[in-house]
Structures are given as structure tokens and as C-alpha cells.
Amino acid sequence: LENYNGKWILYGTGNLISESAPPQNRV
């Protein structure tokens, strides 16, 4: 999340739901 000149940007929500990925892609 970034506060940019008093307003906000969220650069990545991630998924809302997903099947598990391999450990190297645990994010």
C-alpha cells in the first residue's frame, strides 16, 4: 500500500481464493 499525495494506491491484492501453488510460489 502507498499513500501518494494524500490518496492511496494498493499495488496488489493477491488472489481472493485459489488452489495451492508450489512452495516457490507460496505468495
mmCIF file of all heavy atoms, coordinates in Angstrom:
data_MODEL
# 
_entry.id   MODEL 
# 
loop_
_atom_site.group_PDB 
_atom_site.id 
_atom_site.type_symbol 
_atom_site.label_atom_id 
_atom_site.label_alt_id 
_atom_site.label_comp_id 
_atom_site.label_asym_id 
_atom_site.label_entity_id 
_atom_site.label_seq_id 
_atom_site.pdbx_PDB_ins_code 
_atom_site.Cartn_x 
_atom_site.Cartn_y 
_atom_site.Cartn_z 
_atom_site.occupancy 
_atom_site.B_iso_or_equiv 
_atom_site.pdbx_formal_charge 
_atom_site.auth_seq_id 
_atom_site.auth_comp_id 
_atom_site.auth_asym_id 
_atom_site.auth_atom_id 
_atom_site.pdbx_PDB_model_num 
ATOM 1   N N   . LEU A 1 1  ? 0.862   -1.183  0.000  1.00 0.00 ? 1  LEU A N   1 
ATOM 2   C CA  . LEU A 1 1  ? 0.000   0.000   0.000  1.00 0.00 ? 1  LEU A CA  1 
ATOM 3   C C   . LEU A 1 1  ? 0.897   1.231   0.000  1.00 0.00 ? 1  LEU A C   1 
ATOM 4   O O   . LEU A 1 1  ? 1.935   1.252   0.664  1.00 0.00 ? 1  LEU A O   1 
ATOM 5   C CB  . LEU A 1 1  ? -0.855  0.030   1.260  1.00 0.00 ? 1  LEU A CB  1 
ATOM 6   C CG  . LEU A 1 1  ? -2.220  -0.640  1.252  1.00 0.00 ? 1  LEU A CG  1 
ATOM 7   C CD1 . LEU A 1 1  ? -2.714  -0.837  2.687  1.00 0.00 ? 1  LEU A CD1 1 
ATOM 8   C CD2 . LEU A 1 1  ? -3.229  0.188   0.454  1.00 0.00 ? 1  LEU A CD2 1 
ATOM 9   N N   . GLU A 1 2  ? 0.469   2.270   -0.726 1.00 0.00 ? 2  GLU A N   1 
ATOM 10  C CA  . GLU A 1 2  ? 1.238   3.504   -0.752 1.00 0.00 ? 2  GLU A CA  1 
ATOM 11  C C   . GLU A 1 2  ? 0.290   4.694   -0.586 1.00 0.00 ? 2  GLU A C   1 
ATOM 12  O O   . GLU A 1 2  ? -0.736  4.786   -1.269 1.00 0.00 ? 2  GLU A O   1 
ATOM 13  C CB  . GLU A 1 2  ? 1.995   3.650   -2.075 1.00 0.00 ? 2  GLU A CB  1 
ATOM 14  C CG  . GLU A 1 2  ? 2.802   4.945   -2.164 1.00 0.00 ? 2  GLU A CG  1 
ATOM 15  C CD  . GLU A 1 2  ? 3.483   5.142   -3.514 1.00 0.00 ? 2  GLU A CD  1 
ATOM 16  O OE1 . GLU A 1 2  ? 2.886   4.799   -4.557 1.00 0.00 ? 2  GLU A OE1 1 
ATOM 17  O OE2 . GLU A 1 2  ? 4.622   5.639   -3.513 1.00 0.00 ? 2  GLU A OE2 1 
ATOM 18  N N   . ASN A 1 3  ? 0.648   5.590   0.331  1.00 0.00 ? 3  ASN A N   1 
ATOM 19  C CA  . ASN A 1 3  ? -0.043  6.870   0.430  1.00 0.00 ? 3  ASN A CA  1 
ATOM 20  C C   . ASN A 1 3  ? 0.684   7.842   -0.493 1.00 0.00 ? 3  ASN A C   1 
ATOM 21  O O   . ASN A 1 3  ? 1.839   8.204   -0.254 1.00 0.00 ? 3  ASN A O   1 
ATOM 22  C CB  . ASN A 1 3  ? -0.041  7.383   1.864  1.00 0.00 ? 3  ASN A CB  1 
ATOM 23  C CG  . ASN A 1 3  ? -0.883  8.640   2.012  1.00 0.00 ? 3  ASN A CG  1 
ATOM 24  O OD1 . ASN A 1 3  ? -0.511  9.703   1.515  1.00 0.00 ? 3  ASN A OD1 1 
ATOM 25  N ND2 . ASN A 1 3  ? -2.005  8.526   2.688  1.00 0.00 ? 3  ASN A ND2 1 
ATOM 26  N N   . TYR A 1 4  ? 0.010   8.237   -1.550 1.00 0.00 ? 4  TYR A N   1 
ATOM 27  C CA  . TYR A 1 4  ? 0.616   9.086   -2.581 1.00 0.00 ? 4  TYR A CA  1 
ATOM 28  C C   . TYR A 1 4  ? -0.122  10.425  -2.597 1.00 0.00 ? 4  TYR A C   1 
ATOM 29  O O   . TYR A 1 4  ? -1.276  10.499  -3.002 1.00 0.00 ? 4  TYR A O   1 
ATOM 30  C CB  . TYR A 1 4  ? 0.521   8.397   -3.943 1.00 0.00 ? 4  TYR A CB  1 
ATOM 31  C CG  . TYR A 1 4  ? 1.039   9.212   -5.111 1.00 0.00 ? 4  TYR A CG  1 
ATOM 32  C CD1 . TYR A 1 4  ? 2.396   9.405   -5.302 1.00 0.00 ? 4  TYR A CD1 1 
ATOM 33  C CD2 . TYR A 1 4  ? 0.154   9.792   -6.018 1.00 0.00 ? 4  TYR A CD2 1 
ATOM 34  C CE1 . TYR A 1 4  ? 2.878   10.155  -6.371 1.00 0.00 ? 4  TYR A CE1 1 
ATOM 35  C CE2 . TYR A 1 4  ? 0.616   10.538  -7.093 1.00 0.00 ? 4  TYR A CE2 1 
ATOM 36  C CZ  . TYR A 1 4  ? 1.978   10.724  -7.261 1.00 0.00 ? 4  TYR A CZ  1 
ATOM 37  O OH  . TYR A 1 4  ? 2.441   11.467  -8.333 1.00 0.00 ? 4  TYR A OH  1 
ATOM 38  N N   . ASN A 1 5  ? 0.547   11.450  -2.092 1.00 0.00 ? 5  ASN A N   1 
ATOM 39  C CA  . ASN A 1 5  ? -0.037  12.795  -2.037 1.00 0.00 ? 5  ASN A CA  1 
ATOM 40  C C   . ASN A 1 5  ? -1.421  12.796  -1.379 1.00 0.00 ? 5  ASN A C   1 
ATOM 41  O O   . ASN A 1 5  ? -2.350  13.458  -1.831 1.00 0.00 ? 5  ASN A O   1 
ATOM 42  C CB  . ASN A 1 5  ? -0.128  13.403  -3.445 1.00 0.00 ? 5  ASN A CB  1 
ATOM 43  C CG  . ASN A 1 5  ? 1.235   13.658  -4.051 1.00 0.00 ? 5  ASN A CG  1 
ATOM 44  O OD1 . ASN A 1 5  ? 2.218   13.839  -3.336 1.00 0.00 ? 5  ASN A OD1 1 
ATOM 45  N ND2 . ASN A 1 5  ? 1.312   13.658  -5.383 1.00 0.00 ? 5  ASN A ND2 1 
ATOM 46  N N   . GLY A 1 6  ? -1.534  12.028  -0.304 1.00 0.00 ? 6  GLY A N   1 
ATOM 47  C CA  . GLY A 1 6  ? -2.767  12.047  0.475  1.00 0.00 ? 6  GLY A CA  1 
ATOM 48  C C   . GLY A 1 6  ? -3.835  11.066  0.036  1.00 0.00 ? 6  GLY A C   1 
ATOM 49  O O   . GLY A 1 6  ? -4.869  10.952  0.694  1.00 0.00 ? 6  GLY A O   1 
ATOM 50  N N   . LYS A 1 7  ? -3.597  10.350  -1.067 1.00 0.00 ? 7  LYS A N   1 
ATOM 51  C CA  . LYS A 1 7  ? -4.528  9.316   -1.514 1.00 0.00 ? 7  LYS A CA  1 
ATOM 52  C C   . LYS A 1 7  ? -3.782  7.986   -1.582 1.00 0.00 ? 7  LYS A C   1 
ATOM 53  O O   . LYS A 1 7  ? -2.559  7.953   -1.575 1.00 0.00 ? 7  LYS A O   1 
ATOM 54  C CB  . LYS A 1 7  ? -5.143  9.681   -2.868 1.00 0.00 ? 7  LYS A CB  1 
ATOM 55  C CG  . LYS A 1 7  ? -6.019  10.933  -2.809 1.00 0.00 ? 7  LYS A CG  1 
ATOM 56  C CD  . LYS A 1 7  ? -6.683  11.231  -4.152 1.00 0.00 ? 7  LYS A CD  1 
ATOM 57  C CE  . LYS A 1 7  ? -7.563  12.468  -4.051 1.00 0.00 ? 7  LYS A CE  1 
ATOM 58  N NZ  . LYS A 1 7  ? -8.258  12.760  -5.340 1.00 0.00 ? 7  LYS A NZ  1 
ATOM 59  N N   . TRP A 1 8  ? -4.543  6.906   -1.699 1.00 0.00 ? 8  TRP A N   1 
ATOM 60  C CA  . TRP A 1 8  ? -3.942  5.579   -1.548 1.00 0.00 ? 8  TRP A CA  1 
ATOM 61  C C   . TRP A 1 8  ? -3.945  4.771   -2.837 1.00 0.00 ? 8  TRP A C   1 
ATOM 62  O O   . TRP A 1 8  ? -4.902  4.815   -3.611 1.00 0.00 ? 8  TRP A O   1 
ATOM 63  C CB  . TRP A 1 8  ? -4.684  4.796   -0.466 1.00 0.00 ? 8  TRP A CB  1 
ATOM 64  C CG  . TRP A 1 8  ? -4.429  5.326   0.909  1.00 0.00 ? 8  TRP A CG  1 
ATOM 65  C CD1 . TRP A 1 8  ? -5.096  6.343   1.547  1.00 0.00 ? 8  TRP A CD1 1 
ATOM 66  C CD2 . TRP A 1 8  ? -3.420  4.885   1.827  1.00 0.00 ? 8  TRP A CD2 1 
ATOM 67  N NE1 . TRP A 1 8  ? -4.579  6.557   2.796  1.00 0.00 ? 8  TRP A NE1 1 
ATOM 68  C CE2 . TRP A 1 8  ? -3.539  5.673   2.998  1.00 0.00 ? 8  TRP A CE2 1 
ATOM 69  C CE3 . TRP A 1 8  ? -2.443  3.900   1.774  1.00 0.00 ? 8  TRP A CE3 1 
ATOM 70  C CZ2 . TRP A 1 8  ? -2.713  5.504   4.103  1.00 0.00 ? 8  TRP A CZ2 1 
ATOM 71  C CZ3 . TRP A 1 8  ? -1.614  3.725   2.875  1.00 0.00 ? 8  TRP A CZ3 1 
ATOM 72  C CH2 . TRP A 1 8  ? -1.754  4.525   4.029  1.00 0.00 ? 8  TRP A CH2 1 
ATOM 73  N N   . ILE A 1 9  ? -2.846  4.015   -3.009 1.00 0.00 ? 9  ILE A N   1 
ATOM 74  C CA  . ILE A 1 9  ? -2.728  3.020   -4.073 1.00 0.00 ? 9  ILE A CA  1 
ATOM 75  C C   . ILE A 1 9  ? -2.413  1.683   -3.408 1.00 0.00 ? 9  ILE A C   1 
ATOM 76  O O   . ILE A 1 9  ? -1.479  1.590   -2.599 1.00 0.00 ? 9  ILE A O   1 
ATOM 77  C CB  . ILE A 1 9  ? -1.598  3.361   -5.061 1.00 0.00 ? 9  ILE A CB  1 
ATOM 78  C CG1 . ILE A 1 9  ? -1.777  4.765   -5.664 1.00 0.00 ? 9  ILE A CG1 1 
ATOM 79  C CG2 . ILE A 1 9  ? -1.536  2.312   -6.179 1.00 0.00 ? 9  ILE A CG2 1 
ATOM 80  C CD1 . ILE A 1 9  ? -0.566  5.247   -6.465 1.00 0.00 ? 9  ILE A CD1 1 
ATOM 81  N N   . LEU A 1 10 ? -3.170  0.660   -3.743 1.00 0.00 ? 10 LEU A N   1 
ATOM 82  C CA  . LEU A 1 10 ? -2.854  -0.712  -3.353 1.00 0.00 ? 10 LEU A CA  1 
ATOM 83  C C   . LEU A 1 10 ? -2.337  -1.412  -4.603 1.00 0.00 ? 10 LEU A C   1 
ATOM 84  O O   . LEU A 1 10 ? -3.082  -1.626  -5.553 1.00 0.00 ? 10 LEU A O   1 
ATOM 85  C CB  . LEU A 1 10 ? -4.089  -1.426  -2.800 1.00 0.00 ? 10 LEU A CB  1 
ATOM 86  C CG  . LEU A 1 10 ? -3.949  -2.934  -2.558 1.00 0.00 ? 10 LEU A CG  1 
ATOM 87  C CD1 . LEU A 1 10 ? -2.814  -3.235  -1.592 1.00 0.00 ? 10 LEU A CD1 1 
ATOM 88  C CD2 . LEU A 1 10 ? -5.266  -3.516  -2.060 1.00 0.00 ? 10 LEU A CD2 1 
ATOM 89  N N   . TYR A 1 11 ? -1.065  -1.780  -4.597 1.00 0.00 ? 11 TYR A N   1 
ATOM 90  C CA  . TYR A 1 11 ? -0.460  -2.306  -5.810 1.00 0.00 ? 11 TYR A CA  1 
ATOM 91  C C   . TYR A 1 11 ? -0.773  -3.775  -6.067 1.00 0.00 ? 11 TYR A C   1 
ATOM 92  O O   . TYR A 1 11 ? -0.633  -4.228  -7.206 1.00 0.00 ? 11 TYR A O   1 
ATOM 93  C CB  . TYR A 1 11 ? 1.053   -2.083  -5.776 1.00 0.00 ? 11 TYR A CB  1 
ATOM 94  C CG  . TYR A 1 11 ? 1.440   -0.633  -5.966 1.00 0.00 ? 11 TYR A CG  1 
ATOM 95  C CD1 . TYR A 1 11 ? 1.962   0.118   -4.927 1.00 0.00 ? 11 TYR A CD1 1 
ATOM 96  C CD2 . TYR A 1 11 ? 1.232   -0.008  -7.192 1.00 0.00 ? 11 TYR A CD2 1 
ATOM 97  C CE1 . TYR A 1 11 ? 2.302   1.456   -5.103 1.00 0.00 ? 11 TYR A CE1 1 
ATOM 98  C CE2 . TYR A 1 11 ? 1.568   1.326   -7.379 1.00 0.00 ? 11 TYR A CE2 1 
ATOM 99  C CZ  . TYR A 1 11 ? 2.093   2.054   -6.328 1.00 0.00 ? 11 TYR A CZ  1 
ATOM 100 O OH  . TYR A 1 11 ? 2.411   3.377   -6.519 1.00 0.00 ? 11 TYR A OH  1 
ATOM 101 N N   . GLY A 1 12 ? -1.185  -4.504  -5.049 1.00 0.00 ? 12 GLY A N   1 
ATOM 102 C CA  . GLY A 1 12 ? -1.502  -5.912  -5.301 1.00 0.00 ? 12 GLY A CA  1 
ATOM 103 C C   . GLY A 1 12 ? -2.378  -6.491  -4.213 1.00 0.00 ? 12 GLY A C   1 
ATOM 104 O O   . GLY A 1 12 ? -1.982  -6.528  -3.048 1.00 0.00 ? 12 GLY A O   1 
ATOM 105 N N   . THR A 1 13 ? -3.570  -6.953  -4.604 1.00 0.00 ? 13 THR A N   1 
ATOM 106 C CA  . THR A 1 13 ? -4.491  -7.566  -3.648 1.00 0.00 ? 13 THR A CA  1 
ATOM 107 C C   . THR A 1 13 ? -4.137  -9.020  -3.359 1.00 0.00 ? 13 THR A C   1 
ATOM 108 O O   . THR A 1 13 ? -4.646  -9.590  -2.397 1.00 0.00 ? 13 THR A O   1 
ATOM 109 C CB  . THR A 1 13 ? -5.917  -7.549  -4.208 1.00 0.00 ? 13 THR A CB  1 
ATOM 110 O OG1 . THR A 1 13 ? -5.932  -8.294  -5.439 1.00 0.00 ? 13 THR A OG1 1 
ATOM 111 C CG2 . THR A 1 13 ? -6.410  -6.136  -4.465 1.00 0.00 ? 13 THR A CG2 1 
ATOM 112 N N   . GLY A 1 14 ? -3.288  -9.628  -4.205 1.00 0.00 ? 14 GLY A N   1 
ATOM 113 C CA  . GLY A 1 14 ? -3.201  -11.078 -4.194 1.00 0.00 ? 14 GLY A CA  1 
ATOM 114 C C   . GLY A 1 14 ? -4.503  -11.652 -4.731 1.00 0.00 ? 14 GLY A C   1 
ATOM 115 O O   . GLY A 1 14 ? -5.384  -10.929 -5.218 1.00 0.00 ? 14 GLY A O   1 
ATOM 116 N N   . ASN A 1 15 ? -4.634  -12.968 -4.694 1.00 0.00 ? 15 ASN A N   1 
ATOM 117 C CA  . ASN A 1 15 ? -5.900  -13.590 -5.078 1.00 0.00 ? 15 ASN A CA  1 
ATOM 118 C C   . ASN A 1 15 ? -6.931  -13.380 -3.972 1.00 0.00 ? 15 ASN A C   1 
ATOM 119 O O   . ASN A 1 15 ? -6.586  -13.026 -2.837 1.00 0.00 ? 15 ASN A O   1 
ATOM 120 C CB  . ASN A 1 15 ? -5.712  -15.087 -5.306 1.00 0.00 ? 15 ASN A CB  1 
ATOM 121 C CG  . ASN A 1 15 ? -4.775  -15.378 -6.465 1.00 0.00 ? 15 ASN A CG  1 
ATOM 122 O OD1 . ASN A 1 15 ? -4.792  -14.695 -7.479 1.00 0.00 ? 15 ASN A OD1 1 
ATOM 123 N ND2 . ASN A 1 15 ? -3.930  -16.395 -6.299 1.00 0.00 ? 15 ASN A ND2 1 
ATOM 124 N N   . LEU A 1 16 ? -8.185  -13.658 -4.288 1.00 0.00 ? 16 LEU A N   1 
ATOM 125 C CA  . LEU A 1 16 ? -9.201  -13.770 -3.248 1.00 0.00 ? 16 LEU A CA  1 
ATOM 126 C C   . LEU A 1 16 ? -9.288  -15.212 -2.764 1.00 0.00 ? 16 LEU A C   1 
ATOM 127 O O   . LEU A 1 16 ? -9.393  -15.486 -1.576 1.00 0.00 ? 16 LEU A O   1 
ATOM 128 C CB  . LEU A 1 16 ? -10.562 -13.306 -3.767 1.00 0.00 ? 16 LEU A CB  1 
ATOM 129 C CG  . LEU A 1 16 ? -11.725 -13.482 -2.799 1.00 0.00 ? 16 LEU A CG  1 
ATOM 130 C CD1 . LEU A 1 16 ? -11.487 -12.710 -1.511 1.00 0.00 ? 16 LEU A CD1 1 
ATOM 131 C CD2 . LEU A 1 16 ? -13.035 -13.045 -3.434 1.00 0.00 ? 16 LEU A CD2 1 
ATOM 132 N N   . ILE A 1 17 ? -9.210  -16.150 -3.695 1.00 0.00 ? 17 ILE A N   1 
ATOM 133 C CA  . ILE A 1 17 ? -9.141  -17.570 -3.370 1.00 0.00 ? 17 ILE A CA  1 
ATOM 134 C C   . ILE A 1 17 ? -8.463  -18.275 -4.530 1.00 0.00 ? 17 ILE A C   1 
ATOM 135 O O   . ILE A 1 17 ? -8.634  -17.891 -5.689 1.00 0.00 ? 17 ILE A O   1 
ATOM 136 C CB  . ILE A 1 17 ? -10.540 -18.182 -3.080 1.00 0.00 ? 17 ILE A CB  1 
ATOM 137 C CG1 . ILE A 1 17 ? -10.435 -19.586 -2.479 1.00 0.00 ? 17 ILE A CG1 1 
ATOM 138 C CG2 . ILE A 1 17 ? -11.387 -18.166 -4.342 1.00 0.00 ? 17 ILE A CG2 1 
ATOM 139 C CD1 . ILE A 1 17 ? -9.871  -19.622 -1.076 1.00 0.00 ? 17 ILE A CD1 1 
ATOM 140 N N   . SER A 1 18 ? -7.684  -19.298 -4.231 1.00 0.00 ? 18 SER A N   1 
ATOM 141 C CA  . SER A 1 18 ? -7.012  -20.048 -5.291 1.00 0.00 ? 18 SER A CA  1 
ATOM 142 C C   . SER A 1 18 ? -6.569  -21.392 -4.746 1.00 0.00 ? 18 SER A C   1 
ATOM 143 O O   . SER A 1 18 ? -6.451  -21.591 -3.527 1.00 0.00 ? 18 SER A O   1 
ATOM 144 C CB  . SER A 1 18 ? -5.795  -19.284 -5.832 1.00 0.00 ? 18 SER A CB  1 
ATOM 145 O OG  . SER A 1 18 ? -4.832  -19.101 -4.804 1.00 0.00 ? 18 SER A OG  1 
ATOM 146 N N   . GLU A 1 19 ? -6.320  -22.304 -5.661 1.00 0.00 ? 19 GLU A N   1 
ATOM 147 C CA  . GLU A 1 19 ? -5.709  -23.581 -5.320 1.00 0.00 ? 19 GLU A CA  1 
ATOM 148 C C   . GLU A 1 19 ? -4.260  -23.337 -4.922 1.00 0.00 ? 19 GLU A C   1 
ATOM 149 O O   . GLU A 1 19 ? -3.643  -22.363 -5.360 1.00 0.00 ? 19 GLU A O   1 
ATOM 150 C CB  . GLU A 1 19 ? -5.795  -24.485 -6.553 1.00 0.00 ? 19 GLU A CB  1 
ATOM 151 C CG  . GLU A 1 19 ? -5.368  -25.917 -6.346 1.00 0.00 ? 19 GLU A CG  1 
ATOM 152 C CD  . GLU A 1 19 ? -5.534  -26.728 -7.629 1.00 0.00 ? 19 GLU A CD  1 
ATOM 153 O OE1 . GLU A 1 19 ? -6.657  -27.165 -7.893 1.00 0.00 ? 19 GLU A OE1 1 
ATOM 154 O OE2 . GLU A 1 19 ? -4.542  -26.889 -8.367 1.00 0.00 ? 19 GLU A OE2 1 
ATOM 155 N N   . SER A 1 20 ? -3.699  -24.216 -4.120 1.00 0.00 ? 20 SER A N   1 
ATOM 156 C CA  . SER A 1 20 ? -2.322  -24.032 -3.655 1.00 0.00 ? 20 SER A CA  1 
ATOM 157 C C   . SER A 1 20 ? -1.323  -24.168 -4.803 1.00 0.00 ? 20 SER A C   1 
ATOM 158 O O   . SER A 1 20 ? -1.420  -25.089 -5.626 1.00 0.00 ? 20 SER A O   1 
ATOM 159 C CB  . SER A 1 20 ? -1.973  -25.047 -2.570 1.00 0.00 ? 20 SER A CB  1 
ATOM 160 O OG  . SER A 1 20 ? -2.681  -24.780 -1.390 1.00 0.00 ? 20 SER A OG  1 
ATOM 161 N N   . ALA A 1 21 ? -0.375  -23.243 -4.837 1.00 0.00 ? 21 ALA A N   1 
ATOM 162 C CA  . ALA A 1 21 ? 0.732   -23.295 -5.790 1.00 0.00 ? 21 ALA A CA  1 
ATOM 163 C C   . ALA A 1 21 ? 1.925   -23.961 -5.116 1.00 0.00 ? 21 ALA A C   1 
ATOM 164 O O   . ALA A 1 21 ? 1.968   -24.121 -3.891 1.00 0.00 ? 21 ALA A O   1 
ATOM 165 C CB  . ALA A 1 21 ? 1.084   -21.883 -6.235 1.00 0.00 ? 21 ALA A CB  1 
ATOM 166 N N   . PRO A 1 22 ? 2.941   -24.360 -5.879 1.00 0.00 ? 22 PRO A N   1 
ATOM 167 C CA  . PRO A 1 22 ? 4.142   -24.952 -5.285 1.00 0.00 ? 22 PRO A CA  1 
ATOM 168 C C   . PRO A 1 22 ? 4.811   -23.984 -4.308 1.00 0.00 ? 22 PRO A C   1 
ATOM 169 O O   . PRO A 1 22 ? 4.584   -22.767 -4.365 1.00 0.00 ? 22 PRO A O   1 
ATOM 170 C CB  . PRO A 1 22 ? 5.038   -25.227 -6.499 1.00 0.00 ? 22 PRO A CB  1 
ATOM 171 C CG  . PRO A 1 22 ? 4.114   -25.275 -7.670 1.00 0.00 ? 22 PRO A CG  1 
ATOM 172 C CD  . PRO A 1 22 ? 3.001   -24.335 -7.354 1.00 0.00 ? 22 PRO A CD  1 
ATOM 173 N N   . PRO A 1 23 ? 5.659   -24.520 -3.412 1.00 0.00 ? 23 PRO A N   1 
ATOM 174 C CA  . PRO A 1 23 ? 6.271   -23.681 -2.371 1.00 0.00 ? 23 PRO A CA  1 
ATOM 175 C C   . PRO A 1 23 ? 6.997   -22.450 -2.913 1.00 0.00 ? 23 PRO A C   1 
ATOM 176 O O   . PRO A 1 23 ? 6.981   -21.395 -2.270 1.00 0.00 ? 23 PRO A O   1 
ATOM 177 C CB  . PRO A 1 23 ? 7.246   -24.645 -1.682 1.00 0.00 ? 23 PRO A CB  1 
ATOM 178 C CG  . PRO A 1 23 ? 6.642   -25.994 -1.887 1.00 0.00 ? 23 PRO A CG  1 
ATOM 179 C CD  . PRO A 1 23 ? 5.998   -25.946 -3.249 1.00 0.00 ? 23 PRO A CD  1 
ATOM 180 N N   . GLN A 1 24 ? 7.625   -22.556 -4.064 1.00 0.00 ? 24 GLN A N   1 
ATOM 181 C CA  . GLN A 1 24 ? 8.349   -21.396 -4.589 1.00 0.00 ? 24 GLN A CA  1 
ATOM 182 C C   . GLN A 1 24 ? 7.403   -20.256 -4.970 1.00 0.00 ? 24 GLN A C   1 
ATOM 183 O O   . GLN A 1 24 ? 7.837   -19.114 -5.108 1.00 0.00 ? 24 GLN A O   1 
ATOM 184 C CB  . GLN A 1 24 ? 9.221   -21.778 -5.790 1.00 0.00 ? 24 GLN A CB  1 
ATOM 185 C CG  . GLN A 1 24 ? 8.458   -22.215 -7.040 1.00 0.00 ? 24 GLN A CG  1 
ATOM 186 C CD  . GLN A 1 24 ? 8.234   -23.717 -7.079 1.00 0.00 ? 24 GLN A CD  1 
ATOM 187 O OE1 . GLN A 1 24 ? 8.217   -24.387 -6.035 1.00 0.00 ? 24 GLN A OE1 1 
ATOM 188 N NE2 . GLN A 1 24 ? 8.098   -24.271 -8.283 1.00 0.00 ? 24 GLN A NE2 1 
ATOM 189 N N   . ASN A 1 25 ? 6.126   -20.570 -5.117 1.00 0.00 ? 25 ASN A N   1 
ATOM 190 C CA  . ASN A 1 25 ? 5.130   -19.537 -5.427 1.00 0.00 ? 25 ASN A CA  1 
ATOM 191 C C   . ASN A 1 25 ? 4.086   -19.442 -4.308 1.00 0.00 ? 25 ASN A C   1 
ATOM 192 O O   . ASN A 1 25 ? 2.907   -19.232 -4.549 1.00 0.00 ? 25 ASN A O   1 
ATOM 193 C CB  . ASN A 1 25 ? 4.436   -19.844 -6.754 1.00 0.00 ? 25 ASN A CB  1 
ATOM 194 C CG  . ASN A 1 25 ? 5.354   -19.708 -7.944 1.00 0.00 ? 25 ASN A CG  1 
ATOM 195 O OD1 . ASN A 1 25 ? 6.282   -18.897 -7.935 1.00 0.00 ? 25 ASN A OD1 1 
ATOM 196 N ND2 . ASN A 1 25 ? 5.122   -20.500 -8.983 1.00 0.00 ? 25 ASN A ND2 1 
ATOM 197 N N   . ARG A 1 26 ? 4.550   -19.593 -3.066 1.00 0.00 ? 26 ARG A N   1 
ATOM 198 C CA  . ARG A 1 26 ? 3.615   -19.616 -1.947 1.00 0.00 ? 26 ARG A CA  1 
ATOM 199 C C   . ARG A 1 26 ? 2.810   -18.330 -1.823 1.00 0.00 ? 26 ARG A C   1 
ATOM 200 O O   . ARG A 1 26 ? 1.728   -18.331 -1.237 1.00 0.00 ? 26 ARG A O   1 
ATOM 201 C CB  . ARG A 1 26 ? 4.352   -19.882 -0.634 1.00 0.00 ? 26 ARG A CB  1 
ATOM 202 C CG  . ARG A 1 26 ? 5.301   -18.770 -0.223 1.00 0.00 ? 26 ARG A CG  1 
ATOM 203 C CD  . ARG A 1 26 ? 6.019   -19.088 1.068  1.00 0.00 ? 26 ARG A CD  1 
ATOM 204 N NE  . ARG A 1 26 ? 6.945   -18.014 1.436  1.00 0.00 ? 26 ARG A NE  1 
ATOM 205 C CZ  . ARG A 1 26 ? 7.692   -18.036 2.532  1.00 0.00 ? 26 ARG A CZ  1 
ATOM 206 N NH1 . ARG A 1 26 ? 7.633   -19.071 3.349  1.00 0.00 ? 26 ARG A NH1 1 
ATOM 207 N NH2 . ARG A 1 26 ? 8.505   -17.026 2.805  1.00 0.00 ? 26 ARG A NH2 1 
ATOM 208 N N   . VAL A 1 27 ? 3.294   -17.207 -2.374 1.00 0.00 ? 27 VAL A N   1 
ATOM 209 C CA  . VAL A 1 27 ? 2.542   -15.950 -2.308 1.00 0.00 ? 27 VAL A CA  1 
ATOM 210 C C   . VAL A 1 27 ? 1.187   -16.092 -2.996 1.00 0.00 ? 27 VAL A C   1 
ATOM 211 O O   . VAL A 1 27 ? 0.250   -15.340 -2.694 1.00 0.00 ? 27 VAL A O   1 
ATOM 212 C CB  . VAL A 1 27 ? 3.341   -14.795 -2.948 1.00 0.00 ? 27 VAL A CB  1 
ATOM 213 C CG1 . VAL A 1 27 ? 4.570   -14.464 -2.103 1.00 0.00 ? 27 VAL A CG1 1 
ATOM 214 C CG2 . VAL A 1 27 ? 3.746   -15.112 -4.388 1.00 0.00 ? 27 VAL A CG2 1 
# 
